[in-house]
Amino acid sequence: MNDQIVLKRTGTALDERNRVVPVELPSRTVLGCVRAVESSWERPANADPVTWGYKASIGFRLGEDVRKDDVLEIPGRGDFVVVDVTPGRRFLSVIAIQQKRGAE
């Protein structure tokens, strides 16, 4: 667990009109191990730009608080959204995705 990853989480709060609005909670650094980052792309049949997708497999210690829909900032790779969190016997296995549009 030697990669420093910034964890960003959003919560909810009431605004001045008593509406529930999303707020960004303070970010924090967690230690994890980036196992793999896979890339794929899709070219639609019409004139839409190419969509690039990246899927990161990351391992954390079981004590780390990583949840679905958290945003993980991986150094040198950008922001990834957590889509799957699976606790194992020793580690927390996390799958996060990132999508970009346009030519690369």
Protein backbone atom coordinates (compact mmCIF):
# COMPACT_ATOMS: atom_id res chain seq x y z
CA MET A 1 0.00 0.00 0.00
CA ASN A 2 2.37 2.66 -1.21
CA ASP A 3 0.36 4.89 -3.57
CA GLN A 4 -1.00 8.11 -2.07
CA ILE A 5 -4.52 8.60 -3.42
CA VAL A 6 -6.71 11.61 -2.66
CA LEU A 7 -10.24 10.61 -1.67
CA LYS A 8 -12.99 13.14 -2.41
CA ARG A 9 -16.50 12.63 -1.06
CA THR A 10 -19.72 14.60 -1.33
CA GLY A 11 -22.46 14.84 1.25
CA THR A 12 -25.74 16.70 1.56
CA ALA A 13 -26.72 19.84 3.46
CA LEU A 14 -29.68 22.19 3.71
CA ASP A 15 -29.37 25.59 2.03
CA GLU A 16 -31.04 28.86 3.09
CA ARG A 17 -34.35 27.71 1.53
CA ASN A 18 -34.27 24.31 3.27
CA ARG A 19 -33.43 22.48 0.04
CA VAL A 20 -31.11 19.51 0.14
CA VAL A 21 -28.01 20.34 -1.90
CA PRO A 22 -24.76 18.42 -2.47
CA VAL A 23 -21.66 19.72 -0.71
CA GLU A 24 -18.07 18.61 -1.11
CA LEU A 25 -16.57 17.25 2.10
CA PRO A 26 -12.90 17.87 2.91
CA SER A 27 -10.64 15.61 0.88
CA ARG A 28 -8.13 13.30 2.54
CA THR A 29 -5.21 11.13 1.50
CA VAL A 30 -5.45 7.34 1.71
CA LEU A 31 -2.82 4.71 0.95
CA GLY A 32 -3.59 2.06 -1.64
CA CYS A 33 -2.03 -0.05 -4.34
CA VAL A 34 -2.97 0.64 -7.96
CA ARG A 35 -2.98 -2.88 -9.42
CA ALA A 36 -3.91 -2.06 -13.02
CA VAL A 37 -5.38 0.65 -15.22
CA GLU A 38 -7.05 -0.70 -18.35
CA SER A 39 -8.14 1.49 -21.24
CA SER A 40 -10.79 1.01 -23.89
CA TRP A 41 -12.49 3.18 -26.46
CA GLU A 42 -15.74 3.26 -28.38
CA ARG A 43 -16.48 4.98 -31.69
CA PRO A 44 -20.24 5.52 -32.20
CA ALA A 45 -21.72 5.03 -35.66
CA ASN A 46 -22.83 8.65 -35.94
CA ALA A 47 -20.60 11.74 -35.79
CA ASP A 48 -20.21 11.78 -31.98
CA PRO A 49 -16.63 11.97 -30.70
CA VAL A 50 -14.80 8.88 -29.50
CA THR A 51 -15.39 7.97 -25.85
CA TRP A 52 -12.35 6.73 -23.94
CA GLY A 53 -12.83 4.71 -20.78
CA TYR A 54 -10.32 3.81 -18.10
CA LYS A 55 -10.88 1.20 -15.39
CA ALA A 56 -8.59 1.13 -12.36
CA SER A 57 -8.25 -1.82 -9.98
CA ILE A 58 -7.03 -0.63 -6.60
CA GLY A 59 -6.33 -2.46 -3.35
CA PHE A 60 -6.74 -0.87 0.10
CA ARG A 61 -6.39 -2.12 3.65
CA LEU A 62 -9.70 -3.25 5.13
CA GLY A 63 -9.68 -0.33 7.58
CA GLU A 64 -9.77 2.33 4.84
CA ASP A 65 -13.13 4.07 4.39
CA VAL A 66 -13.73 3.92 0.61
CA ARG A 67 -17.34 3.83 -0.60
CA LYS A 68 -19.21 3.57 -3.87
CA ASP A 69 -19.51 6.95 -5.67
CA ASP A 70 -16.38 8.36 -3.99
CA VAL A 71 -13.94 10.12 -6.30
CA LEU A 72 -10.31 8.95 -6.18
CA GLU A 73 -7.59 11.21 -7.56
CA ILE A 74 -4.81 8.89 -8.72
CA PRO A 75 -1.49 10.71 -9.22
CA GLY A 76 -0.69 11.08 -12.91
CA ARG A 77 -4.03 9.55 -13.99
CA GLY A 78 -6.73 12.02 -12.87
CA ASP A 79 -10.07 11.47 -11.12
CA PHE A 80 -11.82 8.09 -11.05
CA VAL A 81 -15.32 7.35 -9.70
CA VAL A 82 -15.66 4.26 -7.48
CA VAL A 83 -18.22 1.82 -8.93
CA ASP A 84 -17.51 -1.35 -6.93
CA VAL A 85 -16.10 -2.03 -3.45
CA THR A 86 -15.53 -5.64 -2.39
CA PRO A 87 -14.08 -6.52 1.02
CA GLY A 88 -11.88 -9.60 0.98
CA ARG A 89 -10.05 -11.52 3.68
CA ARG A 90 -7.14 -9.10 3.87
CA PHE A 91 -7.80 -6.26 1.44
CA LEU A 92 -10.54 -4.02 0.12
CA SER A 93 -10.78 -4.41 -3.66
CA VAL A 94 -11.99 -1.29 -5.48
CA ILE A 95 -12.95 -0.79 -9.14
CA ALA A 96 -13.08 2.83 -10.34
CA ILE A 97 -13.78 4.23 -13.80
CA GLN A 98 -12.99 7.40 -15.73
CA GLN A 99 -14.45 8.46 -19.06
CA LYS A 100 -13.24 11.08 -21.51
CA ARG A 101 -14.71 12.26 -24.78
CA GLY A 102 -12.85 13.48 -27.85
CA ALA A 103 -9.72 12.51 -29.71
CA GLU A 104 -6.70 11.44 -27.73
